[in-house]
C-alpha cells in the first residue's frame, strides 16, 4: 500500500436557493416508504442534484479520513457511496486502485455518481445498486472498505460492518466517518457527552432517518484493530452556535483471519 498524500480537488460552491431546496426536502419528505430502499429514494430523489454542495458544510471529516487512508493496487469499496464524491477525495491517488465500487441503494444518488464518473473519465470506477449488508465485490475480496456518513442510515449497521469485515482481505483497511453520540458511561479514551447532547442529536437527526448510535465506536473497536480514532464536533449550516459530534475511525482486519 502507498502512503497517503493530500488530495486536491475543486470545492463545490453552494447557493442559498439550493440550500433552501435541500432544507425543504429534508424537513418535508422525511424519507417515507415501506422498505429502506423506498425511504432512501423518497428522501433523496428531489435533492440529489444539489446534494454535494450542502452536505459539504454538514458532513465534516471526510477529506481528512481519505487523506489518512492508504491506497492499494487492489479493490476499494465505498458503502453508501451516494453521489460518489468520496472518490474525489483520493485526488490523483484514485488511479492506484485496480477497481472501485460505489455501492448505494438510492438510484437517484447513483445517477449523479454515474455522471461524475463519465465526466472524470474514471475507467476503474463503477456504481453498484446494492444493499451494504449483502454486497460482495466480484473479485471476492477488497483491500479497503469505507463508510462515509452512511452507517447512521443503514438500519442493520452492525450487519454492514460484519459484511465489510467479511469482504476485507486479511490486513485490509476499514475507514468510517459519521455522526455519533457517546454512551452515558463511555470507556476510557472515548468522548463523554452530556445528557442534552445524547438526547438532542438523535432526536434531531431521526427526522431524516439518520440514527445516531452510542454503540458504533465500541462495535468498531471490537471487530477491527484500531489504527486511529478521532472524535470531534462540527458546524451545522445556519446554526452558528451549534456543533454536532462526529468521529473518524481507521481500523484493520486482523492479518491472521481469513
C-alpha atoms as a PDB file:
ATOM      1  CA  UNK A   1       0.000   0.000   0.000  1.00  0.00           C
ATOM      2  CA  UNK A   2       1.202   3.529  -0.753  1.00  0.00           C
ATOM      3  CA  UNK A   3       1.222   6.299   1.831  1.00  0.00           C
ATOM      4  CA  UNK A   4      -1.494   8.934   1.817  1.00  0.00           C
ATOM      5  CA  UNK A   5      -0.993  12.309   0.202  1.00  0.00           C
ATOM      6  CA  UNK A   6      -3.140  15.402   0.499  1.00  0.00           C
ATOM      7  CA  UNK A   7      -5.911  15.233  -2.132  1.00  0.00           C
ATOM      8  CA  UNK A   8      -6.519  18.143  -4.460  1.00  0.00           C
ATOM      9  CA  UNK A   9      -9.964  18.718  -5.871  1.00  0.00           C
ATOM     10  CA  UNK A  10     -12.283  21.599  -6.618  1.00  0.00           C
ATOM     11  CA  UNK A  11     -14.523  22.729  -3.789  1.00  0.00           C
ATOM     12  CA  UNK A  12     -18.209  22.849  -4.723  1.00  0.00           C
ATOM     13  CA  UNK A  13     -19.934  26.149  -4.022  1.00  0.00           C
ATOM     14  CA  UNK A  14     -23.411  26.136  -2.566  1.00  0.00           C
ATOM     15  CA  UNK A  15     -26.105  28.733  -3.116  1.00  0.00           C
ATOM     16  CA  UNK A  16     -28.804  29.997  -0.811  1.00  0.00           C
ATOM     17  CA  UNK A  17     -31.565  28.828  -3.168  1.00  0.00           C
ATOM     18  CA  UNK A  18     -30.028  25.373  -3.356  1.00  0.00           C
ATOM     19  CA  UNK A  19     -29.814  25.262   0.431  1.00  0.00           C
ATOM     20  CA  UNK A  20     -33.476  26.219   0.751  1.00  0.00           C
ATOM     21  CA  UNK A  21     -34.436  23.410  -1.633  1.00  0.00           C
ATOM     22  CA  UNK A  22     -32.359  20.872   0.277  1.00  0.00           C
ATOM     23  CA  UNK A  23     -33.681  22.007   3.666  1.00  0.00           C
ATOM     24  CA  UNK A  24     -37.252  21.862   2.373  1.00  0.00           C
ATOM     25  CA  UNK A  25     -36.810  18.289   1.207  1.00  0.00           C
ATOM     26  CA  UNK A  26     -35.139  17.346   4.489  1.00  0.00           C
ATOM     27  CA  UNK A  27     -37.948  18.880   6.523  1.00  0.00           C
ATOM     28  CA  UNK A  28     -40.933  17.824   4.405  1.00  0.00           C
ATOM     29  CA  UNK A  29     -40.175  14.482   2.758  1.00  0.00           C
ATOM     30  CA  UNK A  30     -38.678  12.765   5.792  1.00  0.00           C
ATOM     31  CA  UNK A  31     -37.949   9.600   3.817  1.00  0.00           C
ATOM     32  CA  UNK A  32     -41.214   7.678   3.580  1.00  0.00           C
ATOM     33  CA  UNK A  33     -41.763   4.168   2.263  1.00  0.00           C
ATOM     34  CA  UNK A  34     -42.281   0.556   3.262  1.00  0.00           C
ATOM     35  CA  UNK A  35     -38.687  -0.521   2.642  1.00  0.00           C
ATOM     36  CA  UNK A  36     -35.330   1.030   3.405  1.00  0.00           C
ATOM     37  CA  UNK A  37     -34.699   1.483  -0.326  1.00  0.00           C
ATOM     38  CA  UNK A  38     -38.040   3.234  -0.833  1.00  0.00           C
ATOM     39  CA  UNK A  39     -37.363   5.577   2.082  1.00  0.00           C
ATOM     40  CA  UNK A  40     -33.927   6.467   0.747  1.00  0.00           C
ATOM     41  CA  UNK A  41     -35.255   7.164  -2.731  1.00  0.00           C
ATOM     42  CA  UNK A  42     -38.145   9.226  -1.375  1.00  0.00           C
ATOM     43  CA  UNK A  43     -35.720  11.298   0.668  1.00  0.00           C
ATOM     44  CA  UNK A  44     -33.002  11.832  -1.941  1.00  0.00           C
ATOM     45  CA  UNK A  45     -34.777  11.904  -5.312  1.00  0.00           C
ATOM     46  CA  UNK A  46     -35.659  15.587  -5.021  1.00  0.00           C
ATOM     47  CA  UNK A  47     -32.313  16.757  -3.690  1.00  0.00           C
ATOM     48  CA  UNK A  48     -29.744  14.577  -5.462  1.00  0.00           C
ATOM     49  CA  UNK A  49     -28.562  17.314  -7.847  1.00  0.00           C
ATOM     50  CA  UNK A  50     -27.720  19.740  -5.025  1.00  0.00           C
ATOM     51  CA  UNK A  51     -26.672  17.112  -2.500  1.00  0.00           C
ATOM     52  CA  UNK A  52     -22.900  17.673  -2.519  1.00  0.00           C
ATOM     53  CA  UNK A  53     -22.838  21.460  -2.125  1.00  0.00           C
ATOM     54  CA  UNK A  54     -24.979  21.435   1.024  1.00  0.00           C
ATOM     55  CA  UNK A  55     -23.588  18.286   2.620  1.00  0.00           C
ATOM     56  CA  UNK A  56     -20.011  19.544   2.310  1.00  0.00           C
ATOM     57  CA  UNK A  57     -20.752  22.036   5.084  1.00  0.00           C
ATOM     58  CA  UNK A  58     -22.528  19.477   7.262  1.00  0.00           C
ATOM     59  CA  UNK A  59     -20.563  16.244   6.812  1.00  0.00           C
ATOM     60  CA  UNK A  60     -17.182  17.052   8.312  1.00  0.00           C
ATOM     61  CA  UNK A  61     -14.038  14.943   8.339  1.00  0.00           C
ATOM     62  CA  UNK A  62     -14.450  13.173   5.000  1.00  0.00           C
ATOM     63  CA  UNK A  63     -11.446  14.731   3.286  1.00  0.00           C
ATOM     64  CA  UNK A  64      -9.323  14.160   6.393  1.00  0.00           C
ATOM     65  CA  UNK A  65     -10.347  10.500   6.515  1.00  0.00           C
ATOM     66  CA  UNK A  66      -9.347   9.824   2.928  1.00  0.00           C
ATOM     67  CA  UNK A  67      -6.109  11.741   3.362  1.00  0.00           C
ATOM     68  CA  UNK A  68      -5.270   9.391   6.243  1.00  0.00           C
ATOM     69  CA  UNK A  69      -6.122   6.232   4.311  1.00  0.00           C
ATOM     70  CA  UNK A  70      -3.572   4.396   2.160  1.00  0.00           C
ATOM     71  CA  UNK A  71      -4.335   3.254  -1.357  1.00  0.00           C
ATOM     72  CA  UNK A  72      -3.570  -0.108  -2.903  1.00  0.00           C
ATOM     73  CA  UNK A  73      -3.351  -1.720  -6.344  1.00  0.00           C
ATOM     74  CA  UNK A  74      -6.446  -3.727  -5.451  1.00  0.00           C
ATOM     75  CA  UNK A  75     -10.122  -3.023  -4.691  1.00  0.00           C
ATOM     76  CA  UNK A  76     -11.792  -0.173  -2.808  1.00  0.00           C
ATOM     77  CA  UNK A  77     -15.487  -0.443  -1.868  1.00  0.00           C
ATOM     78  CA  UNK A  78     -17.390   2.626  -0.686  1.00  0.00           C
ATOM     79  CA  UNK A  79     -20.557   1.565   1.133  1.00  0.00           C
ATOM     80  CA  UNK A  80     -23.404   4.070   0.932  1.00  0.00           C
ATOM     81  CA  UNK A  81     -21.396   5.983  -1.662  1.00  0.00           C
ATOM     82  CA  UNK A  82     -24.222   8.281  -2.728  1.00  0.00           C
ATOM     83  CA  UNK A  83     -23.096  10.681  -5.454  1.00  0.00           C
ATOM     84  CA  UNK A  84     -19.565   9.312  -5.500  1.00  0.00           C
ATOM     85  CA  UNK A  85     -17.968  12.439  -4.064  1.00  0.00           C
ATOM     86  CA  UNK A  86     -15.712  10.354  -1.846  1.00  0.00           C
ATOM     87  CA  UNK A  87     -13.866   9.226  -4.958  1.00  0.00           C
ATOM     88  CA  UNK A  88     -12.854  12.861  -5.451  1.00  0.00           C
ATOM     89  CA  UNK A  89     -11.206  12.841  -2.036  1.00  0.00           C
ATOM     90  CA  UNK A  90      -8.472  10.485  -3.247  1.00  0.00           C
ATOM     91  CA  UNK A  91      -7.333  13.028  -5.821  1.00  0.00           C
ATOM     92  CA  UNK A  92      -4.865  11.536  -8.283  1.00  0.00           C
ATOM     93  CA  UNK A  93      -4.414   8.529  -5.982  1.00  0.00           C
ATOM     94  CA  UNK A  94      -7.745   7.140  -7.213  1.00  0.00           C
ATOM     95  CA  UNK A  95      -5.903   5.671 -10.191  1.00  0.00           C
ATOM     96  CA  UNK A  96      -3.870   3.483  -7.795  1.00  0.00           C
ATOM     97  CA  UNK A  97      -6.857   1.158  -7.452  1.00  0.00           C
ATOM     98  CA  UNK A  98      -7.458  -1.599  -9.930  1.00  0.00           C
ATOM     99  CA  UNK A  99     -11.207  -1.405  -9.278  1.00  0.00           C
ATOM    100  CA  UNK A 100     -13.553   0.826  -7.290  1.00  0.00           C
ATOM    101  CA  UNK A 101     -17.167   0.029  -6.389  1.00  0.00           C
ATOM    102  CA  UNK A 102     -19.525   2.806  -5.285  1.00  0.00           C
ATOM    103  CA  UNK A 103     -22.372   0.974  -3.549  1.00  0.00           C
ATOM    104  CA  UNK A 104     -25.731   2.536  -2.682  1.00  0.00           C
ATOM    105  CA  UNK A 105     -29.460   1.768  -2.558  1.00  0.00           C
ATOM    106  CA  UNK A 106     -30.561   5.177  -3.886  1.00  0.00           C
ATOM    107  CA  UNK A 107     -30.779   5.123  -7.681  1.00  0.00           C
ATOM    108  CA  UNK A 108     -31.113   8.931  -7.754  1.00  0.00           C
ATOM    109  CA  UNK A 109     -27.788   9.422  -5.998  1.00  0.00           C
ATOM    110  CA  UNK A 110     -26.099   6.746  -8.116  1.00  0.00           C
ATOM    111  CA  UNK A 111     -27.283   8.560 -11.249  1.00  0.00           C
ATOM    112  CA  UNK A 112     -25.286  11.587 -10.108  1.00  0.00           C
ATOM    113  CA  UNK A 113     -22.331   9.279  -9.392  1.00  0.00           C
ATOM    114  CA  UNK A 114     -22.546   7.851 -12.928  1.00  0.00           C
ATOM    115  CA  UNK A 115     -22.487  11.379 -14.333  1.00  0.00           C
ATOM    116  CA  UNK A 116     -19.429  12.152 -12.214  1.00  0.00           C
ATOM    117  CA  UNK A 117     -17.634   9.014 -13.425  1.00  0.00           C
ATOM    118  CA  UNK A 118     -18.336   9.883 -17.063  1.00  0.00           C
ATOM    119  CA  UNK A 119     -17.229  13.495 -16.609  1.00  0.00           C
ATOM    120  CA  UNK A 120     -13.965  12.498 -14.894  1.00  0.00           C
ATOM    121  CA  UNK A 121     -13.243   9.607 -17.238  1.00  0.00           C
ATOM    122  CA  UNK A 122     -12.663   7.177 -14.375  1.00  0.00           C
ATOM    123  CA  UNK A 123     -12.203   3.836 -16.095  1.00  0.00           C
ATOM    124  CA  UNK A 124     -11.685   1.925 -12.850  1.00  0.00           C
ATOM    125  CA  UNK A 125     -14.833   3.133 -11.056  1.00  0.00           C
ATOM    126  CA  UNK A 126     -18.286   1.504 -11.200  1.00  0.00           C
ATOM    127  CA  UNK A 127     -21.562   2.172  -9.389  1.00  0.00           C
ATOM    128  CA  UNK A 128     -23.491  -0.704  -7.811  1.00  0.00           C
ATOM    129  CA  UNK A 129     -27.137  -0.590  -6.773  1.00  0.00           C
ATOM    130  CA  UNK A 130     -26.989  -2.941  -3.785  1.00  0.00           C
ATOM    131  CA  UNK A 131     -27.570  -3.432  -0.070  1.00  0.00           C
ATOM    132  CA  UNK A 132     -24.485  -2.733   2.041  1.00  0.00           C
ATOM    133  CA  UNK A 133     -25.299  -5.709   4.269  1.00  0.00           C
ATOM    134  CA  UNK A 134     -25.135  -8.127   1.318  1.00  0.00           C
ATOM    135  CA  UNK A 135     -22.736  -6.758  -1.316  1.00  0.00           C
ATOM    136  CA  UNK A 136     -19.516  -8.560  -2.139  1.00  0.00           C
ATOM    137  CA  UNK A 137     -17.188  -7.384  -4.907  1.00  0.00           C
ATOM    138  CA  UNK A 138     -16.934  -9.713  -7.932  1.00  0.00           C
ATOM    139  CA  UNK A 139     -13.282 -10.225  -7.041  1.00  0.00           C
ATOM    140  CA  UNK A 140     -14.437 -11.803  -3.800  1.00  0.00           C
ATOM    141  CA  UNK A 141     -12.387  -9.545  -1.530  1.00  0.00           C
ATOM    142  CA  UNK A 142     -11.476  -5.881  -1.012  1.00  0.00           C
ATOM    143  CA  UNK A 143      -8.362  -4.088   0.187  1.00  0.00           C
ATOM    144  CA  UNK A 144     -10.196  -1.057   1.583  1.00  0.00           C
ATOM    145  CA  UNK A 145     -13.833  -0.537   2.626  1.00  0.00           C
ATOM    146  CA  UNK A 146     -15.254   2.824   3.687  1.00  0.00           C
ATOM    147  CA  UNK A 147     -18.468   4.158   5.203  1.00  0.00           C
ATOM    148  CA  UNK A 148     -18.817   7.929   4.966  1.00  0.00           C
ATOM    149  CA  UNK A 149     -21.902   9.146   6.854  1.00  0.00           C
ATOM    150  CA  UNK A 150     -23.737   6.016   5.780  1.00  0.00           C
ATOM    151  CA  UNK A 151     -23.667   3.762   8.856  1.00  0.00           C
ATOM    152  CA  UNK A 152     -26.195   6.012  10.597  1.00  0.00           C
ATOM    153  CA  UNK A 153     -28.556   5.498   7.639  1.00  0.00           C
ATOM    154  CA  UNK A 154     -28.256   1.705   7.497  1.00  0.00           C
ATOM    155  CA  UNK A 155     -30.839   0.052   9.787  1.00  0.00           C
ATOM    156  CA  UNK A 156     -28.728  -3.085  10.285  1.00  0.00           C
ATOM    157  CA  UNK A 157     -25.460  -1.182  10.510  1.00  0.00           C
ATOM    158  CA  UNK A 158     -23.809  -3.983  12.508  1.00  0.00           C
ATOM    159  CA  UNK A 159     -24.519  -6.412   9.652  1.00  0.00           C
ATOM    160  CA  UNK A 160     -22.986  -3.925   7.226  1.00  0.00           C
ATOM    161  CA  UNK A 161     -19.816  -3.818   9.325  1.00  0.00           C
ATOM    162  CA  UNK A 162     -19.773  -7.607   9.549  1.00  0.00           C
ATOM    163  CA  UNK A 163     -20.077  -7.748   5.774  1.00  0.00           C
ATOM    164  CA  UNK A 164     -17.217  -5.280   5.415  1.00  0.00           C
ATOM    165  CA  UNK A 165     -15.044  -7.420   7.670  1.00  0.00           C
ATOM    166  CA  UNK A 166     -16.058 -10.499   5.687  1.00  0.00           C
ATOM    167  CA  UNK A 167     -15.064  -8.974   2.343  1.00  0.00           C
ATOM    168  CA  UNK A 168     -11.801  -7.422   3.510  1.00  0.00           C
ATOM    169  CA  UNK A 169      -8.591  -9.294   2.869  1.00  0.00           C
ATOM    170  CA  UNK A 170      -6.546 -10.158   5.992  1.00  0.00           C
ATOM    171  CA  UNK A 171      -4.859  -6.898   6.947  1.00  0.00           C
ATOM    172  CA  UNK A 172      -7.395  -4.924   4.897  1.00  0.00           C
ATOM    173  CA  UNK A 173      -8.352  -1.405   5.980  1.00  0.00           C
ATOM    174  CA  UNK A 174     -11.719  -0.049   7.121  1.00  0.00           C
ATOM    175  CA  UNK A 175     -12.396   3.688   7.234  1.00  0.00           C
ATOM    176  CA  UNK A 176     -15.500   5.248   8.818  1.00  0.00           C
ATOM    177  CA  UNK A 177     -16.618   8.829   9.387  1.00  0.00           C
ATOM    178  CA  UNK A 178     -20.064   9.572  10.788  1.00  0.00           C
ATOM    179  CA  UNK A 179     -22.147  11.314  13.408  1.00  0.00           C
ATOM    180  CA  UNK A 180     -22.411   9.699  16.836  1.00  0.00           C
ATOM    181  CA  UNK A 181     -23.296  10.132  20.459  1.00  0.00           C
ATOM    182  CA  UNK A 182     -21.302   8.709  23.330  1.00  0.00           C
ATOM    183  CA  UNK A 183     -22.523   6.139  25.807  1.00  0.00           C
ATOM    184  CA  UNK A 184     -23.624   7.512  29.153  1.00  0.00           C
ATOM    185  CA  UNK A 185     -20.599   5.774  30.667  1.00  0.00           C
ATOM    186  CA  UNK A 186     -18.003   5.630  27.846  1.00  0.00           C
ATOM    187  CA  UNK A 187     -14.850   3.549  28.056  1.00  0.00           C
ATOM    188  CA  UNK A 188     -11.520   5.205  28.747  1.00  0.00           C
ATOM    189  CA  UNK A 189     -10.305   7.259  25.808  1.00  0.00           C
ATOM    190  CA  UNK A 190     -13.774   7.859  24.375  1.00  0.00           C
ATOM    191  CA  UNK A 191     -15.625  11.175  24.441  1.00  0.00           C
ATOM    192  CA  UNK A 192     -18.185  11.825  27.130  1.00  0.00           C
ATOM    193  CA  UNK A 193     -21.349  13.674  26.103  1.00  0.00           C
ATOM    194  CA  UNK A 194     -23.812  15.334  28.422  1.00  0.00           C
ATOM    195  CA  UNK A 195     -27.500  14.491  28.624  1.00  0.00           C
ATOM    196  CA  UNK A 196     -28.501  17.288  26.238  1.00  0.00           C
ATOM    197  CA  UNK A 197     -26.113  16.089  23.515  1.00  0.00           C
ATOM    198  CA  UNK A 198     -27.143  12.444  23.943  1.00  0.00           C
ATOM    199  CA  UNK A 199     -30.809  13.451  23.737  1.00  0.00           C
ATOM    200  CA  UNK A 200     -30.977  16.300  21.213  1.00  0.00           C
ATOM    201  CA  UNK A 201     -28.919  14.965  18.307  1.00  0.00           C
ATOM    202  CA  UNK A 202     -30.526  11.516  17.985  1.00  0.00           C
ATOM    203  CA  UNK A 203     -33.954  13.194  18.034  1.00  0.00           C
ATOM    204  CA  UNK A 204     -32.951  15.909  15.551  1.00  0.00           C
ATOM    205  CA  UNK A 205     -31.369  13.551  13.013  1.00  0.00           C
ATOM    206  CA  UNK A 206     -34.036  10.841  13.325  1.00  0.00           C
ATOM    207  CA  UNK A 207     -36.482  13.059  11.425  1.00  0.00           C
ATOM    208  CA  UNK A 208     -34.396  12.287   8.309  1.00  0.00           C
ATOM    209  CA  UNK A 209     -33.927   8.602   9.183  1.00  0.00           C
ATOM    210  CA  UNK A 210     -30.375   9.228  10.369  1.00  0.00           C
ATOM    211  CA  UNK A 211     -29.976   7.263  13.580  1.00  0.00           C
ATOM    212  CA  UNK A 212     -27.064   8.195  15.812  1.00  0.00           C
ATOM    213  CA  UNK A 213     -25.873   5.315  17.927  1.00  0.00           C
ATOM    214  CA  UNK A 214     -23.721   5.089  21.009  1.00  0.00           C
ATOM    215  CA  UNK A 215     -22.577   1.580  20.052  1.00  0.00           C
ATOM    216  CA  UNK A 216     -20.867   2.413  16.739  1.00  0.00           C
ATOM    217  CA  UNK A 217     -17.393   3.092  18.092  1.00  0.00           C
ATOM    218  CA  UNK A 218     -17.375   0.247  20.660  1.00  0.00           C
ATOM    219  CA  UNK A 219     -18.527  -2.206  17.993  1.00  0.00           C
ATOM    220  CA  UNK A 220     -15.916  -0.997  15.507  1.00  0.00           C
ATOM    221  CA  UNK A 221     -13.198  -1.411  18.118  1.00  0.00           C
ATOM    222  CA  UNK A 222     -14.411  -4.901  18.947  1.00  0.00           C
ATOM    223  CA  UNK A 223     -14.368  -6.062  15.320  1.00  0.00           C
ATOM    224  CA  UNK A 224     -11.274  -4.325  13.954  1.00  0.00           C
ATOM    225  CA  UNK A 225      -7.820  -3.411  15.178  1.00  0.00           C
ATOM    226  CA  UNK A 226      -7.940   0.315  15.882  1.00  0.00           C
ATOM    227  CA  UNK A 227      -5.313   2.231  13.905  1.00  0.00           C
ATOM    228  CA  UNK A 228      -6.716   5.673  14.672  1.00  0.00           C
ATOM    229  CA  UNK A 229      -9.802   7.202  16.247  1.00  0.00           C
ATOM    230  CA  UNK A 230     -10.696  10.877  16.355  1.00  0.00           C
ATOM    231  CA  UNK A 231     -13.791  12.408  17.942  1.00  0.00           C
ATOM    232  CA  UNK A 232     -14.821  15.955  17.073  1.00  0.00           C
ATOM    233  CA  UNK A 233     -17.731  18.349  16.775  1.00  0.00           C
ATOM    234  CA  UNK A 234     -18.585  20.128  13.523  1.00  0.00           C
ATOM    235  CA  UNK A 235     -20.593  23.162  12.459  1.00  0.00           C
ATOM    236  CA  UNK A 236     -24.176  22.816  11.248  1.00  0.00           C
ATOM    237  CA  UNK A 237     -25.309  25.102   8.381  1.00  0.00           C
ATOM    238  CA  UNK A 238     -27.439  28.058   9.531  1.00  0.00           C
ATOM    239  CA  UNK A 239     -26.993  27.151  13.203  1.00  0.00           C
ATOM    240  CA  UNK A 240     -23.878  29.200  14.019  1.00  0.00           C
ATOM    241  CA  UNK A 241     -23.504  28.233  17.668  1.00  0.00           C
ATOM    242  CA  UNK A 242     -24.364  24.550  17.288  1.00  0.00           C
ATOM    243  CA  UNK A 243     -21.875  21.697  16.853  1.00  0.00           C
ATOM    244  CA  UNK A 244     -22.751  18.086  16.017  1.00  0.00           C
ATOM    245  CA  UNK A 245     -20.466  15.274  17.257  1.00  0.00           C
ATOM    246  CA  UNK A 246     -18.742  13.098  14.656  1.00  0.00           C
ATOM    247  CA  UNK A 247     -15.885  10.593  14.589  1.00  0.00           C
ATOM    248  CA  UNK A 248     -13.248   9.231  12.227  1.00  0.00           C
ATOM    249  CA  UNK A 249     -12.177   5.618  12.614  1.00  0.00           C
ATOM    250  CA  UNK A 250      -9.469   3.728  10.748  1.00  0.00           C
ATOM    251  CA  UNK A 251      -9.174   0.037  11.543  1.00  0.00           C
ATOM    252  CA  UNK A 252      -7.641  -3.132  10.189  1.00  0.00           C
ATOM    253  CA  UNK A 253      -8.916  -6.666   9.788  1.00  0.00           C
ATOM    254  CA  UNK A 254      -6.585  -8.987  11.728  1.00  0.00           C
ATOM    255  CA  UNK A 255      -3.912 -10.400   9.425  1.00  0.00           C
ATOM    256  CA  UNK A 256      -4.390 -13.905  10.835  1.00  0.00           C
ATOM    257  CA  UNK A 257      -8.089 -14.000   9.947  1.00  0.00           C
ATOM    258  CA  UNK A 258      -9.305 -15.357   6.606  1.00  0.00           C
END
